Amino acid sequence: MNPVLPVVWLPRAQADRLAHLEFTAQEKPHVAETPDARIDRTLSRLAGFPALGRAGRKQGTRELVIPHTPFIMVYREQHGRLEILRVLHGAQQWPV
Protein backbone atom coordinates (compact mmCIF):
# COMPACT_ATOMS: atom_id res chain seq x y z
CA MET A 1 0.00 0.00 0.00
CA ASN A 2 1.28 3.44 -0.92
CA PRO A 3 1.82 5.96 1.87
CA VAL A 4 -0.73 8.78 1.87
CA LEU A 5 0.93 12.12 1.25
CA PRO A 6 -0.10 15.21 3.18
CA VAL A 7 -2.01 17.62 0.94
CA VAL A 8 -1.26 21.34 0.82
CA TRP A 9 -3.53 23.73 -1.08
CA LEU A 10 -1.54 26.68 -2.39
CA PRO A 11 -3.36 30.03 -2.18
CA ARG A 12 -4.07 30.23 -5.92
CA ALA A 13 -5.66 26.77 -5.90
CA GLN A 14 -7.79 27.69 -2.88
CA ALA A 15 -8.98 30.81 -4.71
CA ASP A 16 -9.77 28.76 -7.83
CA ARG A 17 -11.83 26.28 -5.84
CA LEU A 18 -13.76 28.98 -4.02
CA ALA A 19 -14.49 30.86 -7.26
CA HIS A 20 -15.80 27.70 -8.94
CA LEU A 21 -17.99 26.89 -5.93
CA GLU A 22 -19.41 30.42 -5.78
CA PHE A 23 -20.18 30.38 -9.50
CA THR A 24 -21.85 26.98 -9.25
CA ALA A 25 -23.88 28.11 -6.22
CA GLN A 26 -25.18 31.11 -8.17
CA GLU A 27 -25.80 29.40 -11.50
CA LYS A 28 -26.84 25.93 -10.36
CA PRO A 29 -27.71 26.04 -6.66
CA HIS A 30 -29.09 22.50 -6.71
CA VAL A 31 -25.60 21.09 -7.49
CA ALA A 32 -23.37 23.52 -5.57
CA GLU A 33 -21.92 20.89 -3.22
CA THR A 34 -21.47 18.13 -5.78
CA PRO A 35 -18.29 19.43 -7.50
CA ASP A 36 -16.67 20.15 -4.14
CA ALA A 37 -17.46 16.65 -2.86
CA ARG A 38 -16.01 15.18 -6.05
CA ILE A 39 -12.86 17.26 -5.65
CA ASP A 40 -12.49 15.91 -2.09
CA ARG A 41 -13.03 12.29 -3.18
CA THR A 42 -10.53 12.62 -6.01
CA LEU A 43 -8.00 14.25 -3.71
CA SER A 44 -8.31 11.37 -1.24
CA ARG A 45 -7.38 8.91 -4.00
CA LEU A 46 -4.65 11.16 -5.35
CA ALA A 47 -2.92 11.50 -1.97
CA GLY A 48 -2.27 7.74 -2.01
CA PHE A 49 -1.46 7.52 -5.72
CA PRO A 50 0.18 10.79 -6.83
CA ALA A 51 1.10 9.38 -10.26
CA LEU A 52 -2.61 8.97 -11.04
CA GLY A 53 -2.71 12.13 -13.16
CA ARG A 54 -1.10 12.70 -16.54
CA ALA A 55 2.09 14.68 -17.09
CA GLY A 56 1.23 18.37 -16.84
CA ARG A 57 1.47 21.08 -19.47
CA LYS A 58 4.08 22.79 -17.30
CA GLN A 59 7.21 20.85 -16.45
CA GLY A 60 7.19 19.31 -13.00
CA THR A 61 3.40 19.24 -12.71
CA ARG A 62 0.68 16.67 -13.17
CA GLU A 63 -2.98 17.09 -14.10
CA LEU A 64 -6.00 15.06 -13.11
CA VAL A 65 -9.51 15.48 -14.44
CA ILE A 66 -12.04 15.53 -11.60
CA PRO A 67 -14.62 12.88 -12.61
CA HIS A 68 -18.08 14.14 -13.59
CA THR A 69 -17.00 17.79 -13.42
CA PRO A 70 -15.40 20.18 -15.92
CA PHE A 71 -12.45 20.72 -13.57
CA ILE A 72 -8.80 19.74 -13.85
CA MET A 73 -6.57 19.70 -10.79
CA VAL A 74 -2.97 20.78 -11.38
CA TYR A 75 -0.56 19.48 -8.75
CA ARG A 76 2.98 18.39 -7.98
CA GLU A 77 4.63 16.10 -5.51
CA GLN A 78 7.30 18.04 -3.71
CA HIS A 79 9.06 17.85 -0.34
CA GLY A 80 7.15 14.69 0.59
CA ARG A 81 3.76 16.30 0.11
CA LEU A 82 1.14 16.80 -2.57
CA GLU A 83 0.83 20.47 -3.52
CA ILE A 84 -2.38 21.53 -5.24
CA LEU A 85 -1.39 24.36 -7.58
CA ARG A 86 -4.62 25.15 -9.45
CA VAL A 87 -8.14 23.89 -10.06
CA LEU A 88 -9.01 24.99 -13.58
CA HIS A 89 -12.13 24.67 -15.69
CA GLY A 90 -11.33 22.60 -18.76
CA ALA A 91 -12.81 25.28 -21.05
CA GLN A 92 -10.91 28.23 -19.62
CA GLN A 93 -7.73 29.57 -21.17
CA TRP A 94 -4.78 28.14 -19.32
CA PRO A 95 -1.99 30.32 -17.94
CA VAL A 96 1.22 30.27 -19.90
PDB file of N, CA and C in Angstrom:
ATOM      1  N   MET A   1       0.832  -1.184   0.000  1.00  0.00           N
ATOM      2  CA  MET A   1       0.000   0.000   0.000  1.00  0.00           C
ATOM      3  C   MET A   1       0.876   1.247   0.000  1.00  0.00           C
ATOM      4  N   ASN A   2       0.519   2.196  -0.832  1.00  0.00           N
ATOM      5  CA  ASN A   2       1.281   3.438  -0.918  1.00  0.00           C
ATOM      6  C   ASN A   2       1.013   4.321   0.300  1.00  0.00           C
ATOM      7  N   PRO A   3       2.056   5.023   0.776  1.00  0.00           N
ATOM      8  CA  PRO A   3       1.816   5.960   1.872  1.00  0.00           C
ATOM      9  C   PRO A   3       0.961   7.127   1.369  1.00  0.00           C
ATOM     10  N   VAL A   4       0.117   7.643   2.228  1.00  0.00           N
ATOM     11  CA  VAL A   4      -0.729   8.782   1.866  1.00  0.00           C
ATOM     12  C   VAL A   4       0.058  10.058   2.136  1.00  0.00           C
ATOM     13  N   LEU A   5       0.192  10.875   1.111  1.00  0.00           N
ATOM     14  CA  LEU A   5       0.931  12.123   1.245  1.00  0.00           C
ATOM     15  C   LEU A   5       0.057  13.200   1.879  1.00  0.00           C
ATOM     16  N   PRO A   6       0.664  14.058   2.693  1.00  0.00           N
ATOM     17  CA  PRO A   6      -0.102  15.209   3.175  1.00  0.00           C
ATOM     18  C   PRO A   6      -0.411  16.130   1.996  1.00  0.00           C
ATOM     19  N   VAL A   7      -1.571  16.749   2.027  1.00  0.00           N
ATOM     20  CA  VAL A   7      -2.014  17.615   0.936  1.00  0.00           C
ATOM     21  C   VAL A   7      -1.953  19.066   1.389  1.00  0.00           C
ATOM     22  N   VAL A   8      -1.353  19.906   0.542  1.00  0.00           N
ATOM     23  CA  VAL A   8      -1.262  21.338   0.818  1.00  0.00           C
ATOM     24  C   VAL A   8      -1.894  22.082  -0.358  1.00  0.00           C
ATOM     25  N   TRP A   9      -2.901  22.887  -0.060  1.00  0.00           N
ATOM     26  CA  TRP A   9      -3.534  23.727  -1.078  1.00  0.00           C
ATOM     27  C   TRP A   9      -2.785  25.053  -1.117  1.00  0.00           C
ATOM     28  N   LEU A  10      -2.186  25.377  -2.256  1.00  0.00           N
ATOM     29  CA  LEU A  10      -1.542  26.676  -2.389  1.00  0.00           C
ATOM     30  C   LEU A  10      -2.627  27.739  -2.547  1.00  0.00           C
ATOM     31  N   PRO A  11      -2.329  28.984  -2.174  1.00  0.00           N
ATOM     32  CA  PRO A  11      -3.355  30.031  -2.181  1.00  0.00           C
ATOM     33  C   PRO A  11      -4.104  30.179  -3.510  1.00  0.00           C
ATOM     34  N   ARG A  12      -3.403  30.078  -4.619  1.00  0.00           N
ATOM     35  CA  ARG A  12      -4.069  30.230  -5.925  1.00  0.00           C
ATOM     36  C   ARG A  12      -5.081  29.113  -6.147  1.00  0.00           C
ATOM     37  N   ALA A  13      -4.739  27.902  -5.750  1.00  0.00           N
ATOM     38  CA  ALA A  13      -5.658  26.768  -5.901  1.00  0.00           C
ATOM     39  C   ALA A  13      -6.877  26.937  -4.994  1.00  0.00           C
ATOM     40  N   GLN A  14      -6.661  27.435  -3.785  1.00  0.00           N
ATOM     41  CA  GLN A  14      -7.787  27.689  -2.881  1.00  0.00           C
ATOM     42  C   GLN A  14      -8.730  28.726  -3.485  1.00  0.00           C
ATOM     43  N   ALA A  15      -8.161  29.771  -4.075  1.00  0.00           N
ATOM     44  CA  ALA A  15      -8.976  30.815  -4.708  1.00  0.00           C
ATOM     45  C   ALA A  15      -9.744  30.254  -5.901  1.00  0.00           C
ATOM     46  N   ASP A  16      -9.086  29.402  -6.693  1.00  0.00           N
ATOM     47  CA  ASP A  16      -9.767  28.757  -7.830  1.00  0.00           C
ATOM     48  C   ASP A  16     -10.976  27.971  -7.346  1.00  0.00           C
ATOM     49  N   ARG A  17     -10.760  27.150  -6.344  1.00  0.00           N
ATOM     50  CA  ARG A  17     -11.827  26.279  -5.837  1.00  0.00           C
ATOM     51  C   ARG A  17     -13.004  27.104  -5.328  1.00  0.00           C
ATOM     52  N   LEU A  18     -12.708  28.128  -4.554  1.00  0.00           N
ATOM     53  CA  LEU A  18     -13.762  28.981  -4.018  1.00  0.00           C
ATOM     54  C   LEU A  18     -14.534  29.681  -5.137  1.00  0.00           C
ATOM     55  N   ALA A  19     -13.827  30.181  -6.136  1.00  0.00           N
ATOM     56  CA  ALA A  19     -14.487  30.863  -7.259  1.00  0.00           C
ATOM     57  C   ALA A  19     -15.410  29.909  -8.007  1.00  0.00           C
ATOM     58  N   HIS A  20     -14.960  28.683  -8.240  1.00  0.00           N
ATOM     59  CA  HIS A  20     -15.802  27.704  -8.936  1.00  0.00           C
ATOM     60  C   HIS A  20     -17.037  27.362  -8.103  1.00  0.00           C
ATOM     61  N   LEU A  21     -16.855  27.222  -6.802  1.00  0.00           N
ATOM     62  CA  LEU A  21     -17.986  26.893  -5.931  1.00  0.00           C
ATOM     63  C   LEU A  21     -18.996  28.034  -5.878  1.00  0.00           C
ATOM     64  N   GLU A  22     -18.505  29.263  -5.805  1.00  0.00           N
ATOM     65  CA  GLU A  22     -19.407  30.418  -5.776  1.00  0.00           C
ATOM     66  C   GLU A  22     -20.190  30.523  -7.080  1.00  0.00           C
ATOM     67  N   PHE A  23     -19.509  30.321  -8.203  1.00  0.00           N
ATOM     68  CA  PHE A  23     -20.184  30.376  -9.498  1.00  0.00           C
ATOM     69  C   PHE A  23     -21.258  29.295  -9.584  1.00  0.00           C
ATOM     70  N   THR A  24     -20.894  28.084  -9.191  1.00  0.00           N
ATOM     71  CA  THR A  24     -21.854  26.979  -9.249  1.00  0.00           C
ATOM     72  C   THR A  24     -23.044  27.258  -8.336  1.00  0.00           C
ATOM     73  N   ALA A  25     -22.793  27.807  -7.160  1.00  0.00           N
ATOM     74  CA  ALA A  25     -23.875  28.108  -6.215  1.00  0.00           C
ATOM     75  C   ALA A  25     -24.845  29.129  -6.797  1.00  0.00           C
ATOM     76  N   GLN A  26     -24.327  30.084  -7.563  1.00  0.00           N
ATOM     77  CA  GLN A  26     -25.184  31.106  -8.170  1.00  0.00           C
ATOM     78  C   GLN A  26     -25.931  30.572  -9.384  1.00  0.00           C
ATOM     79  N   GLU A  27     -25.227  29.850 -10.236  1.00  0.00           N
ATOM     80  CA  GLU A  27     -25.804  29.402 -11.502  1.00  0.00           C
ATOM     81  C   GLU A  27     -26.614  28.115 -11.385  1.00  0.00           C
ATOM     82  N   LYS A  28     -26.185  27.234 -10.510  1.00  0.00           N
ATOM     83  CA  LYS A  28     -26.840  25.926 -10.356  1.00  0.00           C
ATOM     84  C   LYS A  28     -26.899  25.567  -8.877  1.00  0.00           C
ATOM     85  N   PRO A  29     -27.718  26.266  -8.108  1.00  0.00           N
ATOM     86  CA  PRO A  29     -27.714  26.041  -6.656  1.00  0.00           C
ATOM     87  C   PRO A  29     -28.041  24.610  -6.240  1.00  0.00           C
ATOM     88  N   HIS A  30     -28.740  23.878  -7.061  1.00  0.00           N
ATOM     89  CA  HIS A  30     -29.090  22.498  -6.705  1.00  0.00           C
ATOM     90  C   HIS A  30     -27.899  21.544  -6.786  1.00  0.00           C
ATOM     91  N   VAL A  31     -26.784  21.966  -7.397  1.00  0.00           N
ATOM     92  CA  VAL A  31     -25.601  21.094  -7.488  1.00  0.00           C
ATOM     93  C   VAL A  31     -24.362  21.729  -6.866  1.00  0.00           C
ATOM     94  N   ALA A  32     -24.514  22.759  -6.077  1.00  0.00           N
ATOM     95  CA  ALA A  32     -23.367  23.516  -5.571  1.00  0.00           C
ATOM     96  C   ALA A  32     -22.379  22.660  -4.786  1.00  0.00           C
ATOM     97  N   GLU A  33     -22.833  21.686  -4.036  1.00  0.00           N
ATOM     98  CA  GLU A  33     -21.920  20.885  -3.217  1.00  0.00           C
ATOM     99  C   GLU A  33     -21.315  19.722  -3.984  1.00  0.00           C
ATOM    100  N   THR A  34     -21.935  19.312  -5.056  1.00  0.00           N
ATOM    101  CA  THR A  34     -21.467  18.133  -5.778  1.00  0.00           C
ATOM    102  C   THR A  34     -20.040  18.267  -6.301  1.00  0.00           C
ATOM    103  N   PRO A  35     -19.679  19.347  -7.021  1.00  0.00           N
ATOM    104  CA  PRO A  35     -18.291  19.434  -7.501  1.00  0.00           C
ATOM    105  C   PRO A  35     -17.278  19.429  -6.360  1.00  0.00           C
ATOM    106  N   ASP A  36     -17.595  20.105  -5.258  1.00  0.00           N
ATOM    107  CA  ASP A  36     -16.671  20.147  -4.137  1.00  0.00           C
ATOM    108  C   ASP A  36     -16.479  18.762  -3.526  1.00  0.00           C
ATOM    109  N   ALA A  37     -17.556  18.014  -3.386  1.00  0.00           N
ATOM    110  CA  ALA A  37     -17.455  16.646  -2.858  1.00  0.00           C
ATOM    111  C   ALA A  37     -16.629  15.776  -3.795  1.00  0.00           C
ATOM    112  N   ARG A  38     -16.785  15.973  -5.085  1.00  0.00           N
ATOM    113  CA  ARG A  38     -16.011  15.183  -6.053  1.00  0.00           C
ATOM    114  C   ARG A  38     -14.536  15.559  -6.017  1.00  0.00           C
ATOM    115  N   ILE A  39     -14.256  16.830  -5.808  1.00  0.00           N
ATOM    116  CA  ILE A  39     -12.861  17.256  -5.654  1.00  0.00           C
ATOM    117  C   ILE A  39     -12.260  16.562  -4.429  1.00  0.00           C
ATOM    118  N   ASP A  40     -12.984  16.554  -3.319  1.00  0.00           N
ATOM    119  CA  ASP A  40     -12.488  15.905  -2.093  1.00  0.00           C
ATOM    120  C   ASP A  40     -12.250  14.412  -2.292  1.00  0.00           C
ATOM    121  N   ARG A  41     -13.187  13.733  -2.939  1.00  0.00           N
ATOM    122  CA  ARG A  41     -13.029  12.286  -3.176  1.00  0.00           C
ATOM    123  C   ARG A  41     -11.816  12.009  -4.061  1.00  0.00           C
ATOM    124  N   THR A  42     -11.666  12.807  -5.107  1.00  0.00           N
ATOM    125  CA  THR A  42     -10.534  12.620  -6.014  1.00  0.00           C
ATOM    126  C   THR A  42      -9.224  12.882  -5.289  1.00  0.00           C
ATOM    127  N   LEU A  43      -9.209  13.900  -4.459  1.00  0.00           N
ATOM    128  CA  LEU A  43      -8.004  14.246  -3.713  1.00  0.00           C
ATOM    129  C   LEU A  43      -7.616  13.141  -2.739  1.00  0.00           C
ATOM    130  N   SER A  44      -8.597  12.491  -2.149  1.00  0.00           N
ATOM    131  CA  SER A  44      -8.312  11.368  -1.245  1.00  0.00           C
ATOM    132  C   SER A  44      -7.592  10.245  -1.981  1.00  0.00           C
ATOM    133  N   ARG A  45      -8.043   9.949  -3.187  1.00  0.00           N
ATOM    134  CA  ARG A  45      -7.378   8.914  -3.998  1.00  0.00           C
ATOM    135  C   ARG A  45      -5.991   9.374  -4.421  1.00  0.00           C
ATOM    136  N   LEU A  46      -5.901  10.621  -4.836  1.00  0.00           N
ATOM    137  CA  LEU A  46      -4.647  11.163  -5.351  1.00  0.00           C
ATOM    138  C   LEU A  46      -3.549  11.178  -4.288  1.00  0.00           C
ATOM    139  N   ALA A  47      -3.910  11.450  -3.044  1.00  0.00           N
ATOM    140  CA  ALA A  47      -2.916  11.500  -1.967  1.00  0.00           C
ATOM    141  C   ALA A  47      -2.210  10.159  -1.785  1.00  0.00           C
ATOM    142  N   GLY A  48      -2.888   9.065  -2.101  1.00  0.00           N
ATOM    143  CA  GLY A  48      -2.275   7.742  -2.008  1.00  0.00           C
ATOM    144  C   GLY A  48      -1.613   7.284  -3.288  1.00  0.00           C
ATOM    145  N   PHE A  49      -1.989   7.903  -4.402  1.00  0.00           N
ATOM    146  CA  PHE A  49      -1.465   7.519  -5.720  1.00  0.00           C
ATOM    147  C   PHE A  49      -1.155   8.774  -6.536  1.00  0.00           C
ATOM    148  N   PRO A  50      -0.092   9.506  -6.183  1.00  0.00           N
ATOM    149  CA  PRO A  50       0.180  10.787  -6.830  1.00  0.00           C
ATOM    150  C   PRO A  50       0.485  10.700  -8.326  1.00  0.00           C
ATOM    151  N   ALA A  51       0.834   9.522  -8.827  1.00  0.00           N
ATOM    152  CA  ALA A  51       1.104   9.383 -10.262  1.00  0.00           C
ATOM    153  C   ALA A  51      -0.179   9.135 -11.053  1.00  0.00           C
ATOM    154  N   LEU A  52      -1.326   9.237 -10.398  1.00  0.00           N
ATOM    155  CA  LEU A  52      -2.606   8.971 -11.036  1.00  0.00           C
ATOM    156  C   LEU A  52      -2.870   9.907 -12.214  1.00  0.00           C
ATOM    157  N   GLY A  53      -2.474  11.147 -12.098  1.00  0.00           N
ATOM    158  CA  GLY A  53      -2.706  12.127 -13.164  1.00  0.00           C
ATOM    159  C   GLY A  53      -1.685  12.008 -14.285  1.00  0.00           C
ATOM    160  N   ARG A  54      -2.006  12.677 -15.382  1.00  0.00           N
ATOM    161  CA  ARG A  54      -1.098  12.700 -16.541  1.00  0.00           C
ATOM    162  C   ARG A  54      -0.015  13.758 -16.331  1.00  0.00           C
ATOM    163  N   ALA A  55       1.045  13.661 -17.129  1.00  0.00           N
ATOM    164  CA  ALA A  55       2.089  14.680 -17.090  1.00  0.00           C
ATOM    165  C   ALA A  55       1.456  16.025 -17.418  1.00  0.00           C
ATOM    166  N   GLY A  56       1.832  17.052 -16.672  1.00  0.00           N
ATOM    167  CA  GLY A  56       1.230  18.370 -16.843  1.00  0.00           C
ATOM    168  C   GLY A  56       1.764  19.138 -18.033  1.00  0.00           C
ATOM    169  N   ARG A  57       1.060  20.196 -18.363  1.00  0.00           N
ATOM    170  CA  ARG A  57       1.474  21.076 -19.468  1.00  0.00           C
ATOM    171  C   ARG A  57       2.699  21.883 -19.087  1.00  0.00           C
ATOM    172  N   LYS A  58       2.878  22.118 -17.782  1.00  0.00           N
ATOM    173  CA  LYS A  58       4.079  22.787 -17.296  1.00  0.00           C
ATOM    174  C   LYS A  58       4.979  21.733 -16.668  1.00  0.00           C
ATOM    175  N   GLN A  59       6.256  21.827 -16.954  1.00  0.00           N
ATOM    176  CA  GLN A  59       7.213  20.852 -16.448  1.00  0.00           C
ATOM    177  C   GLN A  59       7.144  20.764 -14.925  1.00  0.00           C
ATOM    178  N   GLY A  60       7.189  19.540 -14.432  1.00  0.00           N
ATOM    179  CA  GLY A  60       7.187  19.308 -12.996  1.00  0.00           C
ATOM    180  C   GLY A  60       5.802  19.228 -12.379  1.00  0.00           C
ATOM    181  N   THR A  61       4.771  19.333 -13.229  1.00  0.00           N
ATOM    182  CA  THR A  61       3.403  19.245 -12.712  1.00  0.00           C
ATOM    183  C   THR A  61       2.696  18.032 -13.287  1.00  0.00           C
ATOM    184  N   ARG A  62       1.575  17.713 -12.672  1.00  0.00           N
ATOM    185  CA  ARG A  62       0.684  16.665 -13.168  1.00  0.00           C
ATOM    186  C   ARG A  62      -0.725  17.238 -13.170  1.00  0.00           C
ATOM    187  N   GLU A  63      -1.597  16.629 -13.975  1.00  0.00           N
ATOM    188  CA  GLU A  63      -2.976  17.091 -14.096  1.00  0.00           C
ATOM    189  C   GLU A  63      -3.907  15.897 -13.966  1.00  0.00           C
ATOM    190  N   LEU A  64      -5.005  16.118 -13.276  1.00  0.00           N
ATOM    191  CA  LEU A  64      -5.997  15.063 -13.115  1.00  0.00           C
ATOM    192  C   LEU A  64      -7.388  15.655 -13.303  1.00  0.00           C
ATOM    193  N   VAL A  65      -8.136  15.067 -14.217  1.00  0.00           N
ATOM    194  CA  VAL A  65      -9.515  15.484 -14.444  1.00  0.00           C
ATOM    195  C   VAL A  65     -10.353  14.999 -13.263  1.00  0.00           C
ATOM    196  N   ILE A  66     -11.141  15.892 -12.690  1.00  0.00           N
ATOM    197  CA  ILE A  66     -12.040  15.526 -11.598  1.00  0.00           C
ATOM    198  C   ILE A  66     -13.266  14.869 -12.229  1.00  0.00           C
ATOM    199  N   PRO A  67     -13.517  13.585 -11.954  1.00  0.00           N
ATOM    200  CA  PRO A  67     -14.622  12.879 -12.612  1.00  0.00           C
ATOM    201  C   PRO A  67     -15.971  13.587 -12.454  1.00  0.00           C
ATOM    202  N   HIS A  68     -16.719  13.591 -13.549  1.00  0.00           N
ATOM    203  CA  HIS A  68     -18.082  14.139 -13.588  1.00  0.00           C
ATOM    204  C   HIS A  68     -18.140  15.626 -13.276  1.00  0.00           C
ATOM    205  N   THR A  69     -17.035  16.330 -13.539  1.00  0.00           N
ATOM    206  CA  THR A  69     -17.005  17.792 -13.417  1.00  0.00           C
ATOM    207  C   THR A  69     -16.196  18.312 -14.606  1.00  0.00           C
ATOM    208  N   PRO A  70     -16.240  19.615 -14.860  1.00  0.00           N
ATOM    209  CA  PRO A  70     -15.403  20.183 -15.917  1.00  0.00           C
ATOM    210  C   PRO A  70     -14.020  20.602 -15.410  1.00  0.00           C
ATOM    211  N   PHE A  71     -13.657  20.205 -14.198  1.00  0.00           N
ATOM    212  CA  PHE A  71     -12.446  20.716 -13.569  1.00  0.00           C
ATOM    213  C   PHE A  71     -11.241  19.794 -13.713  1.00  0.00           C
ATOM    214  N   ILE A  72     -10.082  20.438 -13.777  1.00  0.00           N
ATOM    215  CA  ILE A  72      -8.798  19.742 -13.849  1.00  0.00           C
ATOM    216  C   ILE A  72      -7.939  20.259 -12.702  1.00  0.00           C
ATOM    217  N   MET A  73      -7.433  19.339 -11.904  1.00  0.00           N
ATOM    218  CA  MET A  73      -6.569  19.696 -10.788  1.00  0.00           C
ATOM    219  C   MET A  73      -5.118  19.632 -11.259  1.00  0.00           C
ATOM    220  N   VAL A  74      -4.391  20.714 -11.036  1.00  0.00           N
ATOM    221  CA  VAL A  74      -2.967  20.776 -11.379  1.00  0.00           C
ATOM    222  C   VAL A  74      -2.200  20.670 -10.062  1.00  0.00           C
ATOM    223  N   TYR A  75      -1.250  19.736 -10.014  1.00  0.00           N
ATOM    224  CA  TYR A  75      -0.561  19.478  -8.751  1.00  0.00           C
ATOM    225  C   TYR A  75       0.871  19.030  -9.009  1.00  0.00           C
ATOM    226  N   ARG A  76       1.625  18.958  -7.927  1.00  0.00           N
ATOM    227  CA  ARG A  76       2.980  18.392  -7.983  1.00  0.00           C
ATOM    228  C   ARG A  76       3.262  17.714  -6.655  1.00  0.00           C
ATOM    229  N   GLU A  77       4.144  16.747  -6.729  1.00  0.00           N
ATOM    230  CA  GLU A  77       4.631  16.096  -5.515  1.00  0.00           C
ATOM    231  C   GLU A  77       5.974  16.734  -5.217  1.00  0.00           C
ATOM    232  N   GLN A  78       6.073  17.337  -4.047  1.00  0.00           N
ATOM    233  CA  GLN A  78       7.302  18.040  -3.712  1.00  0.00           C
ATOM    234  C   GLN A  78       7.489  18.044  -2.198  1.00  0.00           C
ATOM    235  N   HIS A  79       8.723  17.828  -1.767  1.00  0.00           N
ATOM    236  CA  HIS A  79       9.061  17.848  -0.338  1.00  0.00           C
ATOM    237  C   HIS A  79       8.202  16.871   0.466  1.00  0.00           C
ATOM    238  N   GLY A  80       7.909  15.714  -0.121  1.00  0.00           N
ATOM    239  CA  GLY A  80       7.149  14.694   0.585  1.00  0.00           C
ATOM    240  C   GLY A  80       5.686  15.024   0.803  1.00  0.00           C
ATOM    241  N   ARG A  81       5.175  15.940  -0.001  1.00  0.00           N
ATOM    242  CA  ARG A  81       3.762  16.302   0.114  1.00  0.00           C
ATOM    243  C   ARG A  81       3.168  16.532  -1.269  1.00  0.00           C
ATOM    244  N   LEU A  82       1.865  16.558  -1.328  1.00  0.00           N
ATOM    245  CA  LEU A  82       1.143  16.805  -2.566  1.00  0.00           C
ATOM    246  C   LEU A  82       0.682  18.257  -2.539  1.00  0.00           C
ATOM    247  N   GLU A  83       1.191  19.059  -3.467  1.00  0.00           N
ATOM    248  CA  GLU A  83       0.831  20.473  -3.518  1.00  0.00           C
ATOM    249  C   GLU A  83      -0.193  20.691  -4.625  1.00  0.00           C
ATOM    250  N   ILE A  84      -1.349  21.218  -4.265  1.00  0.00           N
ATOM    251  CA  ILE A  84      -2.381  21.534  -5.242  1.00  0.00           C
ATOM    252  C   ILE A  84      -2.102  22.953  -5.718  1.00  0.00           C
ATOM    253  N   LEU A  85      -1.793  23.072  -7.018  1.00  0.00           N
ATOM    254  CA  LEU A  85      -1.389  24.356  -7.578  1.00  0.00           C
ATOM    255  C   LEU A  85      -2.561  25.155  -8.126  1.00  0.00           C
ATOM    256  N   ARG A  86      -3.461  24.486  -8.830  1.00  0.00           N
ATOM    257  CA  ARG A  86      -4.621  25.148  -9.450  1.00  0.00           C
ATOM    258  C   ARG A  86      -5.759  24.149  -9.562  1.00  0.00           C
ATOM    259  N   VAL A  87      -6.970  24.672  -9.669  1.00  0.00           N
ATOM    260  CA  VAL A  87      -8.143  23.895 -10.055  1.00  0.00           C
ATOM    261  C   VAL A  87      -8.777  24.703 -11.174  1.00  0.00           C
ATOM    262  N   LEU A  88      -8.594  24.230 -12.404  1.00  0.00           N
ATOM    263  CA  LEU A  88      -9.012  24.989 -13.581  1.00  0.00           C
ATOM    264  C   LEU A  88     -10.197  24.337 -14.263  1.00  0.00           C
ATOM    265  N   HIS A  89     -11.028  25.168 -14.864  1.00  0.00           N
ATOM    266  CA  HIS A  89     -12.133  24.670 -15.688  1.00  0.00           C
ATOM    267  C   HIS A  89     -11.515  24.263 -17.018  1.00  0.00           C
ATOM    268  N   GLY A  90     -11.901  23.111 -17.519  1.00  0.00           N
ATOM    269  CA  GLY A  90     -11.326  22.604 -18.762  1.00  0.00           C
ATOM    270  C   GLY A  90     -11.510  23.524 -19.949  1.00  0.00           C
ATOM    271  N   ALA A  91     -12.539  24.386 -19.922  1.00  0.00           N
ATOM    272  CA  ALA A  91     -12.811  25.277 -21.051  1.00  0.00           C
ATOM    273  C   ALA A  91     -12.114  26.628 -20.923  1.00  0.00           C
ATOM    274  N   GLN A  92     -11.530  26.915 -19.767  1.00  0.00           N
ATOM    275  CA  GLN A  92     -10.905  28.227 -19.622  1.00  0.00           C
ATOM    276  C   GLN A  92      -9.516  28.240 -20.240  1.00  0.00           C
ATOM    277  N   GLN A  93      -9.067  29.435 -20.601  1.00  0.00           N
ATOM    278  CA  GLN A  93      -7.731  29.566 -21.168  1.00  0.00           C
ATOM    279  C   GLN A  93      -6.715  29.357 -20.052  1.00  0.00           C
ATOM    280  N   TRP A  94      -5.763  28.490 -20.335  1.00  0.00           N
ATOM    281  CA  TRP A  94      -4.780  28.139 -19.316  1.00  0.00           C
ATOM    282  C   TRP A  94      -3.672  29.176 -19.263  1.00  0.00           C
ATOM    283  N   PRO A  95      -3.129  29.402 -18.059  1.00  0.00           N
ATOM    284  CA  PRO A  95      -1.991  30.321 -17.941  1.00  0.00           C
ATOM    285  C   PRO A  95      -0.784  29.770 -18.692  1.00  0.00           C
ATOM    286  N   VAL A  96       0.019  30.667 -19.147  1.00  0.00           N
ATOM    287  CA  VAL A  96       1.223  30.271 -19.898  1.00  0.00           C
ATOM    288  C   VAL A  96       2.344  29.971 -18.934  1.00  0.00           C
TER     289      VAL A  96
END
